[in-house]
Amino acid sequence: MDVTLATAWLRAVADSVAAEADELTRLDSAIGDGDHGVNLRRGFTAVTALLDGTGFTGVGDVFVRSGGTLISKVGGASGPLYGSVFRALGKALPPGPSATLPDLAGGLRAGLEAVRALGGAAPGDKTIVDAYEPALAAFEEAVAGGAALPEAAAGAARAAGDGARATIPLTARKGRASYLGERSAGHQDPGATSTWLIFQALADVTAP
């Protein structure tokens, strides 16, 4: 991954979040504060402005500065969570204009660890983690097997989508949705859904 691809990925995320903001808000209205789509759209609009007006020292710098923008611009829980993901990803990458696939896998793992450290969520809690962890596992498995980035990204996106849908029957144990107890079951988690959008965006920009 180089700076051009990193910025293309984030732009694709911004486009997807803008297109799906109403759906994310609908999902969040059922079990949260109803602001997930609005907040993420605001944050990634700010990220797009950063990408338009900034020169970057390397691929890691793209993610670190974009993550910082999300933390400063997005309200609710999603700003700190996704901002921490991208900051951790960027900081884990080696300095310079590009990163290898194993580097990227390590950065994505650092992002998951940042989310878990910040929110304390585990698989099955009906959160971002339920989409992120299977996506990462699929990505790491593909990379270990010698797959190129398009194949690894496509596998991660499929796993993230499956993980997001698998949150529907779960009872939330973390976040705002956990206040609803059993009433949170039957609804897809908005954070897991936006996590799928992020991995799907990577698959889209790397597809042959």
N, C-alpha and C. Protein backbone atom coordinates (compact mmCIF):
# COMPACT_ATOMS: atom_id res chain seq x y z
N MET A 1 0.85 -1.19 0.00
CA MET A 1 0.00 0.00 0.00
C MET A 1 0.88 1.24 0.00
N ASP A 2 0.53 2.21 -0.86
CA ASP A 2 1.25 3.47 -0.90
C ASP A 2 0.31 4.62 -0.54
N VAL A 3 0.83 5.84 -0.58
CA VAL A 3 0.03 7.00 -0.20
C VAL A 3 -1.19 7.16 -1.10
N THR A 4 -1.01 6.91 -2.39
CA THR A 4 -2.11 7.05 -3.33
C THR A 4 -3.25 6.08 -2.99
N LEU A 5 -2.89 4.84 -2.70
CA LEU A 5 -3.91 3.85 -2.38
C LEU A 5 -4.55 4.15 -1.02
N ALA A 6 -3.76 4.57 -0.06
CA ALA A 6 -4.30 4.90 1.26
C ALA A 6 -5.33 6.02 1.16
N THR A 7 -5.02 7.06 0.38
CA THR A 7 -5.97 8.16 0.24
C THR A 7 -7.20 7.72 -0.56
N ALA A 8 -6.99 6.86 -1.56
CA ALA A 8 -8.14 6.35 -2.32
C ALA A 8 -9.07 5.54 -1.43
N TRP A 9 -8.50 4.75 -0.53
CA TRP A 9 -9.31 3.96 0.40
C TRP A 9 -10.16 4.88 1.27
N LEU A 10 -9.54 5.90 1.85
CA LEU A 10 -10.28 6.78 2.74
C LEU A 10 -11.33 7.58 1.99
N ARG A 11 -11.04 7.97 0.76
CA ARG A 11 -12.05 8.66 -0.04
C ARG A 11 -13.24 7.73 -0.33
N ALA A 12 -12.93 6.47 -0.61
CA ALA A 12 -14.00 5.49 -0.86
C ALA A 12 -14.84 5.28 0.39
N VAL A 13 -14.20 5.25 1.57
CA VAL A 13 -14.95 5.16 2.82
C VAL A 13 -15.88 6.36 2.96
N ALA A 14 -15.35 7.56 2.69
CA ALA A 14 -16.16 8.77 2.81
C ALA A 14 -17.37 8.72 1.88
N ASP A 15 -17.16 8.26 0.65
CA ASP A 15 -18.27 8.14 -0.30
C ASP A 15 -19.31 7.14 0.19
N SER A 16 -18.85 6.01 0.70
CA SER A 16 -19.76 4.97 1.17
C SER A 16 -20.54 5.43 2.39
N VAL A 17 -19.86 6.08 3.32
CA VAL A 17 -20.53 6.59 4.52
C VAL A 17 -21.59 7.63 4.13
N ALA A 18 -21.26 8.49 3.17
CA ALA A 18 -22.24 9.49 2.73
C ALA A 18 -23.45 8.82 2.11
N ALA A 19 -23.21 7.79 1.30
CA ALA A 19 -24.32 7.09 0.64
C ALA A 19 -25.19 6.31 1.62
N GLU A 20 -24.57 5.80 2.68
CA GLU A 20 -25.27 4.94 3.63
C GLU A 20 -25.60 5.63 4.95
N ALA A 21 -25.41 6.94 5.02
CA ALA A 21 -25.61 7.65 6.29
C ALA A 21 -27.02 7.48 6.83
N ASP A 22 -28.01 7.54 5.95
CA ASP A 22 -29.40 7.40 6.42
C ASP A 22 -29.65 5.99 6.98
N GLU A 23 -29.09 4.98 6.33
CA GLU A 23 -29.26 3.62 6.82
C GLU A 23 -28.54 3.43 8.16
N LEU A 24 -27.35 3.98 8.29
CA LEU A 24 -26.63 3.88 9.56
C LEU A 24 -27.40 4.59 10.67
N THR A 25 -28.00 5.70 10.33
CA THR A 25 -28.81 6.43 11.32
C THR A 25 -30.05 5.63 11.70
N ARG A 26 -30.67 4.99 10.70
CA ARG A 26 -31.84 4.15 10.99
C ARG A 26 -31.48 3.03 11.95
N LEU A 27 -30.36 2.36 11.68
CA LEU A 27 -29.93 1.27 12.56
C LEU A 27 -29.64 1.79 13.96
N ASP A 28 -29.00 2.96 14.04
CA ASP A 28 -28.63 3.51 15.34
C ASP A 28 -29.85 4.04 16.08
N SER A 29 -30.86 4.46 15.35
CA SER A 29 -32.08 4.95 16.01
C SER A 29 -32.79 3.84 16.75
N ALA A 30 -32.62 2.60 16.27
CA ALA A 30 -33.30 1.47 16.91
C ALA A 30 -32.66 1.09 18.24
N ILE A 31 -31.32 1.22 18.34
CA ILE A 31 -30.66 0.73 19.56
C ILE A 31 -29.62 1.69 20.13
N GLY A 32 -29.55 2.89 19.57
CA GLY A 32 -28.54 3.84 20.05
C GLY A 32 -29.09 5.24 20.11
N ASP A 33 -28.23 6.22 19.83
CA ASP A 33 -28.61 7.62 19.92
C ASP A 33 -29.14 8.19 18.60
N GLY A 34 -29.07 7.40 17.53
CA GLY A 34 -29.59 7.85 16.26
C GLY A 34 -28.70 8.82 15.51
N ASP A 35 -27.42 8.88 15.88
CA ASP A 35 -26.55 9.87 15.25
C ASP A 35 -25.33 9.25 14.55
N HIS A 36 -25.30 7.94 14.42
CA HIS A 36 -24.11 7.29 13.89
C HIS A 36 -23.81 7.72 12.45
N GLY A 37 -24.84 7.71 11.61
CA GLY A 37 -24.63 8.10 10.22
C GLY A 37 -24.23 9.56 10.08
N VAL A 38 -24.91 10.43 10.80
CA VAL A 38 -24.62 11.86 10.74
C VAL A 38 -23.20 12.14 11.21
N ASN A 39 -22.83 11.53 12.32
CA ASN A 39 -21.50 11.77 12.88
C ASN A 39 -20.39 11.26 11.97
N LEU A 40 -20.57 10.04 11.44
CA LEU A 40 -19.53 9.51 10.56
C LEU A 40 -19.42 10.31 9.27
N ARG A 41 -20.54 10.72 8.74
CA ARG A 41 -20.49 11.54 7.51
C ARG A 41 -19.75 12.84 7.78
N ARG A 42 -20.00 13.48 8.90
CA ARG A 42 -19.29 14.71 9.25
C ARG A 42 -17.79 14.43 9.35
N GLY A 43 -17.44 13.33 10.02
CA GLY A 43 -16.03 13.03 10.22
C GLY A 43 -15.30 12.74 8.93
N PHE A 44 -15.90 11.93 8.07
CA PHE A 44 -15.21 11.58 6.83
C PHE A 44 -15.25 12.71 5.80
N THR A 45 -16.20 13.63 5.92
CA THR A 45 -16.14 14.85 5.12
C THR A 45 -14.91 15.66 5.51
N ALA A 46 -14.64 15.72 6.81
CA ALA A 46 -13.44 16.41 7.28
C ALA A 46 -12.17 15.68 6.84
N VAL A 47 -12.20 14.36 6.83
CA VAL A 47 -11.05 13.59 6.34
C VAL A 47 -10.80 13.89 4.86
N THR A 48 -11.86 13.96 4.07
CA THR A 48 -11.70 14.28 2.64
C THR A 48 -11.06 15.65 2.47
N ALA A 49 -11.47 16.62 3.28
CA ALA A 49 -10.86 17.95 3.21
C ALA A 49 -9.38 17.88 3.57
N LEU A 50 -9.05 17.07 4.55
CA LEU A 50 -7.63 16.88 4.91
C LEU A 50 -6.86 16.30 3.74
N LEU A 51 -7.41 15.28 3.10
CA LEU A 51 -6.73 14.64 1.98
C LEU A 51 -6.55 15.60 0.82
N ASP A 52 -7.51 16.50 0.63
CA ASP A 52 -7.44 17.46 -0.48
C ASP A 52 -6.36 18.51 -0.27
N GLY A 53 -6.08 18.82 0.98
CA GLY A 53 -5.22 19.97 1.23
C GLY A 53 -3.90 19.68 1.90
N THR A 54 -3.52 18.42 1.99
CA THR A 54 -2.36 18.06 2.79
C THR A 54 -1.39 17.21 2.00
N GLY A 55 -0.09 17.48 2.18
CA GLY A 55 0.94 16.58 1.70
C GLY A 55 1.36 15.67 2.84
N PHE A 56 1.59 14.40 2.55
CA PHE A 56 1.88 13.43 3.59
C PHE A 56 3.31 12.92 3.47
N THR A 57 3.91 12.66 4.62
CA THR A 57 5.30 12.20 4.66
C THR A 57 5.44 10.72 4.33
N GLY A 58 4.34 9.98 4.42
CA GLY A 58 4.37 8.55 4.14
C GLY A 58 2.99 7.97 4.31
N VAL A 59 2.89 6.68 4.04
CA VAL A 59 1.56 6.05 4.10
C VAL A 59 1.02 6.03 5.52
N GLY A 60 1.87 5.82 6.50
CA GLY A 60 1.41 5.84 7.89
C GLY A 60 0.87 7.20 8.29
N ASP A 61 1.48 8.25 7.77
CA ASP A 61 1.06 9.61 8.09
C ASP A 61 -0.37 9.87 7.61
N VAL A 62 -0.75 9.28 6.49
CA VAL A 62 -2.12 9.43 5.99
C VAL A 62 -3.12 8.96 7.04
N PHE A 63 -2.86 7.79 7.59
CA PHE A 63 -3.80 7.21 8.55
C PHE A 63 -3.74 7.90 9.91
N VAL A 64 -2.56 8.27 10.36
CA VAL A 64 -2.43 8.94 11.66
C VAL A 64 -3.19 10.27 11.65
N ARG A 65 -2.98 11.05 10.60
CA ARG A 65 -3.62 12.37 10.55
C ARG A 65 -5.12 12.25 10.28
N SER A 66 -5.51 11.28 9.49
CA SER A 66 -6.94 11.06 9.27
C SER A 66 -7.62 10.60 10.55
N GLY A 67 -6.97 9.73 11.30
CA GLY A 67 -7.52 9.30 12.58
C GLY A 67 -7.66 10.44 13.55
N GLY A 68 -6.67 11.31 13.58
CA GLY A 68 -6.75 12.48 14.45
C GLY A 68 -7.91 13.39 14.07
N THR A 69 -8.16 13.51 12.77
CA THR A 69 -9.28 14.31 12.29
C THR A 69 -10.61 13.72 12.75
N LEU A 70 -10.74 12.39 12.67
CA LEU A 70 -11.98 11.75 13.13
C LEU A 70 -12.19 11.99 14.62
N ILE A 71 -11.13 11.87 15.40
CA ILE A 71 -11.27 12.08 16.85
C ILE A 71 -11.73 13.50 17.16
N SER A 72 -11.22 14.47 16.40
CA SER A 72 -11.53 15.87 16.70
C SER A 72 -12.87 16.33 16.12
N LYS A 73 -13.35 15.65 15.08
CA LYS A 73 -14.54 16.14 14.37
C LYS A 73 -15.81 15.33 14.61
N VAL A 74 -15.69 14.09 15.08
CA VAL A 74 -16.86 13.21 15.19
C VAL A 74 -17.33 13.15 16.63
N GLY A 75 -18.62 13.37 16.82
CA GLY A 75 -19.19 13.25 18.15
C GLY A 75 -19.51 11.81 18.50
N GLY A 76 -19.99 11.59 19.70
CA GLY A 76 -20.37 10.25 20.13
C GLY A 76 -19.18 9.34 20.30
N ALA A 77 -19.47 8.04 20.29
CA ALA A 77 -18.40 7.06 20.50
C ALA A 77 -17.62 6.76 19.24
N SER A 78 -18.23 6.98 18.07
CA SER A 78 -17.60 6.52 16.83
C SER A 78 -16.34 7.30 16.50
N GLY A 79 -16.26 8.57 16.84
CA GLY A 79 -15.06 9.35 16.55
C GLY A 79 -13.83 8.80 17.25
N PRO A 80 -13.87 8.67 18.57
CA PRO A 80 -12.71 8.08 19.26
C PRO A 80 -12.40 6.66 18.80
N LEU A 81 -13.42 5.86 18.52
CA LEU A 81 -13.17 4.47 18.14
C LEU A 81 -12.51 4.39 16.76
N TYR A 82 -13.14 4.97 15.75
CA TYR A 82 -12.56 4.89 14.41
C TYR A 82 -11.30 5.73 14.29
N GLY A 83 -11.27 6.85 14.99
CA GLY A 83 -10.04 7.63 14.99
C GLY A 83 -8.88 6.84 15.57
N SER A 84 -9.15 6.11 16.64
CA SER A 84 -8.10 5.29 17.25
C SER A 84 -7.67 4.15 16.33
N VAL A 85 -8.63 3.59 15.58
CA VAL A 85 -8.28 2.53 14.62
C VAL A 85 -7.26 3.05 13.62
N PHE A 86 -7.56 4.17 12.99
CA PHE A 86 -6.69 4.65 11.93
C PHE A 86 -5.37 5.20 12.48
N ARG A 87 -5.40 5.82 13.64
CA ARG A 87 -4.15 6.28 14.25
C ARG A 87 -3.25 5.09 14.58
N ALA A 88 -3.82 4.05 15.17
CA ALA A 88 -3.03 2.86 15.52
C ALA A 88 -2.51 2.18 14.26
N LEU A 89 -3.34 2.10 13.23
CA LEU A 89 -2.91 1.53 11.96
C LEU A 89 -1.71 2.31 11.42
N GLY A 90 -1.84 3.61 11.38
CA GLY A 90 -0.76 4.42 10.84
C GLY A 90 0.52 4.33 11.64
N LYS A 91 0.39 4.33 12.95
CA LYS A 91 1.58 4.27 13.80
C LYS A 91 2.29 2.93 13.71
N ALA A 92 1.54 1.87 13.37
CA ALA A 92 2.14 0.54 13.28
C ALA A 92 2.88 0.33 11.96
N LEU A 93 2.59 1.16 10.97
CA LEU A 93 3.25 1.00 9.67
C LEU A 93 4.66 1.58 9.71
N PRO A 94 5.57 1.03 8.91
CA PRO A 94 6.92 1.56 8.88
C PRO A 94 6.94 2.93 8.22
N PRO A 95 7.90 3.79 8.55
CA PRO A 95 7.99 5.09 7.88
C PRO A 95 8.33 4.89 6.40
N GLY A 96 7.89 5.83 5.61
CA GLY A 96 8.21 5.73 4.20
C GLY A 96 6.97 5.75 3.33
N PRO A 97 7.16 5.69 2.02
CA PRO A 97 6.06 5.89 1.08
C PRO A 97 5.17 4.69 0.86
N SER A 98 5.55 3.52 1.36
CA SER A 98 4.74 2.34 1.09
C SER A 98 4.84 1.35 2.25
N ALA A 99 3.91 0.41 2.25
CA ALA A 99 3.87 -0.65 3.27
C ALA A 99 3.55 -1.96 2.59
N THR A 100 4.13 -3.04 3.09
CA THR A 100 3.87 -4.36 2.54
C THR A 100 2.55 -4.91 3.07
N LEU A 101 2.10 -6.00 2.48
CA LEU A 101 0.88 -6.64 2.98
C LEU A 101 1.01 -7.09 4.43
N PRO A 102 2.11 -7.75 4.82
CA PRO A 102 2.25 -8.08 6.24
C PRO A 102 2.25 -6.84 7.13
N ASP A 103 2.85 -5.74 6.65
CA ASP A 103 2.80 -4.49 7.41
C ASP A 103 1.36 -4.05 7.61
N LEU A 104 0.58 -4.12 6.53
CA LEU A 104 -0.82 -3.68 6.61
C LEU A 104 -1.61 -4.58 7.54
N ALA A 105 -1.38 -5.88 7.47
CA ALA A 105 -2.06 -6.80 8.38
C ALA A 105 -1.73 -6.46 9.83
N GLY A 106 -0.46 -6.17 10.10
CA GLY A 106 -0.06 -5.79 11.45
C GLY A 106 -0.70 -4.49 11.88
N GLY A 107 -0.83 -3.54 10.95
CA GLY A 107 -1.48 -2.28 11.27
C GLY A 107 -2.95 -2.45 11.56
N LEU A 108 -3.62 -3.30 10.79
CA LEU A 108 -5.03 -3.57 11.05
C LEU A 108 -5.23 -4.25 12.40
N ARG A 109 -4.30 -5.12 12.77
CA ARG A 109 -4.39 -5.75 14.09
C ARG A 109 -4.20 -4.71 15.19
N ALA A 110 -3.28 -3.79 14.98
CA ALA A 110 -3.09 -2.71 15.96
C ALA A 110 -4.37 -1.89 16.10
N GLY A 111 -5.08 -1.70 14.99
CA GLY A 111 -6.34 -0.97 15.05
C GLY A 111 -7.38 -1.69 15.87
N LEU A 112 -7.48 -3.01 15.69
CA LEU A 112 -8.42 -3.79 16.49
C LEU A 112 -8.06 -3.73 17.97
N GLU A 113 -6.80 -3.85 18.27
CA GLU A 113 -6.37 -3.78 19.67
C GLU A 113 -6.70 -2.43 20.28
N ALA A 114 -6.60 -1.36 19.48
CA ALA A 114 -6.93 -0.03 19.98
C ALA A 114 -8.41 0.07 20.31
N VAL A 115 -9.26 -0.49 19.44
CA VAL A 115 -10.70 -0.48 19.70
C VAL A 115 -11.03 -1.26 20.97
N ARG A 116 -10.43 -2.43 21.10
CA ARG A 116 -10.74 -3.24 22.27
C ARG A 116 -10.22 -2.60 23.55
N ALA A 117 -9.08 -1.93 23.47
CA ALA A 117 -8.55 -1.26 24.66
C ALA A 117 -9.43 -0.07 25.05
N LEU A 118 -9.97 0.62 24.05
CA LEU A 118 -10.77 1.81 24.33
C LEU A 118 -12.16 1.47 24.84
N GLY A 119 -12.80 0.48 24.19
CA GLY A 119 -14.18 0.18 24.54
C GLY A 119 -14.38 -1.07 25.38
N GLY A 120 -13.34 -1.89 25.48
CA GLY A 120 -13.45 -3.11 26.27
C GLY A 120 -14.33 -4.17 25.67
N ALA A 121 -14.63 -4.07 24.38
CA ALA A 121 -15.57 -5.01 23.76
C ALA A 121 -14.87 -6.29 23.34
N ALA A 122 -15.64 -7.38 23.36
CA ALA A 122 -15.18 -8.69 22.92
C ALA A 122 -16.15 -9.20 21.86
N PRO A 123 -15.76 -10.21 21.11
CA PRO A 123 -16.70 -10.79 20.14
C PRO A 123 -17.99 -11.22 20.83
N GLY A 124 -19.11 -10.95 20.21
CA GLY A 124 -20.40 -11.31 20.77
C GLY A 124 -21.05 -10.21 21.58
N ASP A 125 -20.34 -9.07 21.76
CA ASP A 125 -20.91 -7.97 22.53
C ASP A 125 -21.79 -7.05 21.69
N LYS A 126 -21.90 -7.31 20.38
CA LYS A 126 -22.72 -6.50 19.47
C LYS A 126 -22.09 -5.12 19.28
N THR A 127 -20.87 -5.11 18.76
CA THR A 127 -20.13 -3.87 18.55
C THR A 127 -19.33 -3.96 17.25
N ILE A 128 -18.53 -2.94 17.01
CA ILE A 128 -17.56 -2.90 15.91
C ILE A 128 -16.75 -4.20 15.84
N VAL A 129 -16.38 -4.71 17.00
CA VAL A 129 -15.49 -5.87 17.08
C VAL A 129 -16.08 -7.08 16.35
N ASP A 130 -17.39 -7.20 16.34
CA ASP A 130 -18.02 -8.36 15.72
C ASP A 130 -17.84 -8.39 14.20
N ALA A 131 -17.59 -7.25 13.59
CA ALA A 131 -17.25 -7.22 12.16
C ALA A 131 -15.75 -7.14 11.95
N TYR A 132 -15.06 -6.40 12.80
CA TYR A 132 -13.63 -6.16 12.62
C TYR A 132 -12.81 -7.43 12.84
N GLU A 133 -13.11 -8.18 13.90
CA GLU A 133 -12.28 -9.34 14.21
C GLU A 133 -12.33 -10.41 13.11
N PRO A 134 -13.49 -10.80 12.61
CA PRO A 134 -13.49 -11.78 11.51
C PRO A 134 -12.87 -11.23 10.23
N ALA A 135 -13.03 -9.93 9.98
CA ALA A 135 -12.41 -9.34 8.81
C ALA A 135 -10.89 -9.43 8.90
N LEU A 136 -10.36 -9.11 10.07
CA LEU A 136 -8.92 -9.19 10.27
C LEU A 136 -8.43 -10.62 10.14
N ALA A 137 -9.16 -11.56 10.72
CA ALA A 137 -8.76 -12.97 10.64
C ALA A 137 -8.70 -13.42 9.18
N ALA A 138 -9.70 -13.03 8.38
CA ALA A 138 -9.71 -13.39 6.97
C ALA A 138 -8.55 -12.75 6.23
N PHE A 139 -8.27 -11.50 6.56
CA PHE A 139 -7.17 -10.78 5.91
C PHE A 139 -5.84 -11.44 6.24
N GLU A 140 -5.62 -11.72 7.52
CA GLU A 140 -4.36 -12.34 7.94
C GLU A 140 -4.18 -13.73 7.31
N GLU A 141 -5.26 -14.49 7.25
CA GLU A 141 -5.18 -15.82 6.66
C GLU A 141 -4.83 -15.74 5.17
N ALA A 142 -5.42 -14.79 4.48
CA ALA A 142 -5.14 -14.62 3.06
C ALA A 142 -3.69 -14.20 2.83
N VAL A 143 -3.22 -13.28 3.64
CA VAL A 143 -1.84 -12.81 3.51
C VAL A 143 -0.86 -13.95 3.81
N ALA A 144 -1.14 -14.71 4.85
CA ALA A 144 -0.27 -15.83 5.21
C ALA A 144 -0.24 -16.87 4.10
N GLY A 145 -1.33 -16.98 3.35
CA GLY A 145 -1.41 -17.93 2.26
C GLY A 145 -0.84 -17.42 0.95
N GLY A 146 -0.30 -16.21 0.96
CA GLY A 146 0.32 -15.67 -0.23
C GLY A 146 -0.59 -14.89 -1.15
N ALA A 147 -1.80 -14.55 -0.69
CA ALA A 147 -2.74 -13.80 -1.52
C ALA A 147 -2.25 -12.38 -1.75
N ALA A 148 -2.65 -11.81 -2.85
CA ALA A 148 -2.40 -10.40 -3.12
C ALA A 148 -3.46 -9.56 -2.41
N LEU A 149 -3.24 -8.25 -2.39
CA LEU A 149 -4.13 -7.36 -1.66
C LEU A 149 -5.59 -7.44 -2.13
N PRO A 150 -5.89 -7.48 -3.43
CA PRO A 150 -7.30 -7.55 -3.81
C PRO A 150 -8.03 -8.76 -3.23
N GLU A 151 -7.38 -9.91 -3.25
CA GLU A 151 -8.01 -11.11 -2.69
C GLU A 151 -8.17 -11.00 -1.18
N ALA A 152 -7.12 -10.53 -0.51
CA ALA A 152 -7.18 -10.39 0.95
C ALA A 152 -8.25 -9.39 1.37
N ALA A 153 -8.35 -8.28 0.64
CA ALA A 153 -9.34 -7.25 0.97
C ALA A 153 -10.75 -7.76 0.71
N ALA A 154 -10.94 -8.50 -0.38
CA ALA A 154 -12.28 -9.04 -0.68
C ALA A 154 -12.72 -10.02 0.39
N GLY A 155 -11.80 -10.88 0.83
CA GLY A 155 -12.13 -11.83 1.88
C GLY A 155 -12.46 -11.14 3.19
N ALA A 156 -11.71 -10.09 3.50
CA ALA A 156 -11.98 -9.33 4.73
C ALA A 156 -13.35 -8.67 4.67
N ALA A 157 -13.70 -8.12 3.50
CA ALA A 157 -15.00 -7.46 3.36
C ALA A 157 -16.14 -8.46 3.53
N ARG A 158 -16.00 -9.63 2.92
CA ARG A 158 -17.05 -10.65 3.07
C ARG A 158 -17.20 -11.03 4.54
N ALA A 159 -16.09 -11.23 5.23
CA ALA A 159 -16.14 -11.62 6.63
C ALA A 159 -16.74 -10.52 7.50
N ALA A 160 -16.42 -9.27 7.18
CA ALA A 160 -16.98 -8.15 7.93
C ALA A 160 -18.49 -8.08 7.73
N GLY A 161 -18.94 -8.28 6.49
CA GLY A 161 -20.38 -8.27 6.23
C GLY A 161 -21.09 -9.39 6.96
N ASP A 162 -20.51 -10.58 6.95
CA ASP A 162 -21.10 -11.69 7.69
C ASP A 162 -21.14 -11.38 9.19
N GLY A 163 -20.06 -10.79 9.68
CA GLY A 163 -20.01 -10.45 11.10
C GLY A 163 -21.05 -9.41 11.48
N ALA A 164 -21.24 -8.42 10.61
CA ALA A 164 -22.25 -7.39 10.90
C ALA A 164 -23.65 -8.01 10.95
N ARG A 165 -23.96 -8.86 9.97
CA ARG A 165 -25.29 -9.49 9.96
C ARG A 165 -25.48 -10.42 11.16
N ALA A 166 -24.40 -11.01 11.62
CA ALA A 166 -24.50 -11.92 12.76
C ALA A 166 -24.80 -11.20 14.07
N THR A 167 -24.71 -9.85 14.07
CA THR A 167 -25.06 -9.11 15.30
C THR A 167 -26.56 -9.01 15.50
N ILE A 168 -27.36 -9.31 14.47
CA ILE A 168 -28.81 -9.09 14.57
C ILE A 168 -29.42 -9.82 15.78
N PRO A 169 -29.15 -11.11 15.99
CA PRO A 169 -29.81 -11.78 17.12
C PRO A 169 -29.15 -11.53 18.47
N LEU A 170 -28.01 -10.85 18.49
CA LEU A 170 -27.26 -10.69 19.74
C LEU A 170 -27.91 -9.67 20.67
N THR A 171 -27.69 -9.87 21.94
CA THR A 171 -28.04 -8.87 22.95
C THR A 171 -26.80 -8.04 23.25
N ALA A 172 -26.91 -6.74 23.12
CA ALA A 172 -25.75 -5.86 23.31
C ALA A 172 -25.25 -5.90 24.74
N ARG A 173 -23.93 -5.97 24.87
CA ARG A 173 -23.32 -5.97 26.20
C ARG A 173 -22.39 -4.78 26.41
N LYS A 174 -22.22 -3.97 25.38
CA LYS A 174 -21.38 -2.77 25.49
C LYS A 174 -22.06 -1.62 24.77
N GLY A 175 -21.70 -0.41 25.15
CA GLY A 175 -22.19 0.77 24.46
C GLY A 175 -23.62 1.13 24.81
N ARG A 176 -24.11 2.13 24.10
CA ARG A 176 -25.46 2.65 24.36
C ARG A 176 -26.52 1.57 24.20
N ALA A 177 -26.33 0.66 23.24
CA ALA A 177 -27.33 -0.38 23.00
C ALA A 177 -27.49 -1.31 24.20
N SER A 178 -26.44 -1.43 25.02
CA SER A 178 -26.52 -2.36 26.15
C SER A 178 -27.56 -1.91 27.18
N TYR A 179 -27.93 -0.61 27.16
CA TYR A 179 -28.93 -0.12 28.09
C TYR A 179 -30.31 -0.74 27.81
N LEU A 180 -30.51 -1.21 26.58
CA LEU A 180 -31.80 -1.78 26.20
C LEU A 180 -31.96 -3.23 26.62
N GLY A 181 -30.84 -3.88 27.00
CA GLY A 181 -30.91 -5.28 27.39
C GLY A 181 -31.42 -6.15 26.26
N GLU A 182 -32.38 -7.01 26.56
CA GLU A 182 -32.89 -7.95 25.57
C GLU A 182 -33.56 -7.25 24.38
N ARG A 183 -34.01 -6.03 24.56
CA ARG A 183 -34.66 -5.31 23.46
C ARG A 183 -33.69 -4.95 22.35
N SER A 184 -32.37 -5.05 22.61
CA SER A 184 -31.39 -4.76 21.55
C SER A 184 -31.30 -5.91 20.54
N ALA A 185 -31.77 -7.09 20.91
CA ALA A 185 -31.76 -8.23 19.98
C ALA A 185 -32.74 -7.96 18.84
N GLY A 186 -32.40 -8.48 17.66
CA GLY A 186 -33.25 -8.30 16.50
C GLY A 186 -32.87 -7.12 15.64
N HIS A 187 -31.80 -6.40 16.00
CA HIS A 187 -31.36 -5.23 15.25
C HIS A 187 -29.87 -5.38 14.90
N GLN A 188 -29.51 -5.03 13.68
CA GLN A 188 -28.11 -5.08 13.28
C GLN A 188 -27.35 -3.91 13.90
N ASP A 189 -26.17 -4.19 14.40
CA ASP A 189 -25.40 -3.16 15.08
C ASP A 189 -24.88 -2.14 14.07
N PRO A 190 -25.10 -0.84 14.32
CA PRO A 190 -24.64 0.17 13.37
C PRO A 190 -23.12 0.26 13.27
N GLY A 191 -22.42 0.08 14.39
CA GLY A 191 -20.97 0.14 14.34
C GLY A 191 -20.36 -1.01 13.55
N ALA A 192 -20.91 -2.20 13.73
CA ALA A 192 -20.45 -3.33 12.93
C ALA A 192 -20.74 -3.10 11.45
N THR A 193 -21.86 -2.43 11.17
CA THR A 193 -22.23 -2.15 9.78
C THR A 193 -21.26 -1.15 9.15
N SER A 194 -20.92 -0.09 9.87
CA SER A 194 -19.97 0.88 9.31
C SER A 194 -18.57 0.29 9.21
N THR A 195 -18.24 -0.65 10.08
CA THR A 195 -16.96 -1.35 9.96
C THR A 195 -16.92 -2.15 8.66
N TRP A 196 -18.04 -2.81 8.35
CA TRP A 196 -18.12 -3.52 7.07
C TRP A 196 -17.93 -2.54 5.90
N LEU A 197 -18.52 -1.35 5.96
CA LEU A 197 -18.36 -0.37 4.90
C LEU A 197 -16.90 0.00 4.70
N ILE A 198 -16.15 0.09 5.78
CA ILE A 198 -14.73 0.44 5.69
C ILE A 198 -13.94 -0.65 4.99
N PHE A 199 -14.18 -1.90 5.37
CA PHE A 199 -13.47 -3.01 4.72
C PHE A 199 -13.95 -3.19 3.28
N GLN A 200 -15.23 -2.97 3.02
CA GLN A 200 -15.74 -3.07 1.65
C GLN A 200 -15.12 -2.00 0.76
N ALA A 201 -14.90 -0.82 1.31
CA ALA A 201 -14.26 0.24 0.54
C ALA A 201 -12.85 -0.15 0.12
N LEU A 202 -12.12 -0.82 1.01
CA LEU A 202 -10.78 -1.29 0.64
C LEU A 202 -10.87 -2.32 -0.48
N ALA A 203 -11.83 -3.22 -0.38
CA ALA A 203 -12.00 -4.22 -1.43
C ALA A 203 -12.36 -3.55 -2.77
N ASP A 204 -13.19 -2.53 -2.71
CA ASP A 204 -13.62 -1.84 -3.93
C ASP A 204 -12.44 -1.15 -4.63
N VAL A 205 -11.59 -0.46 -3.88
CA VAL A 205 -10.52 0.31 -4.52
C VAL A 205 -9.35 -0.57 -4.95
N THR A 206 -9.30 -1.79 -4.47
CA THR A 206 -8.21 -2.68 -4.86
C THR A 206 -8.67 -3.77 -5.85
N ALA A 207 -9.95 -3.81 -6.14
CA ALA A 207 -10.47 -4.85 -7.04
C ALA A 207 -9.83 -4.74 -8.42
N PRO A 208 -9.48 -5.86 -9.03
CA PRO A 208 -8.86 -5.81 -10.36
C PRO A 208 -9.83 -5.36 -11.43
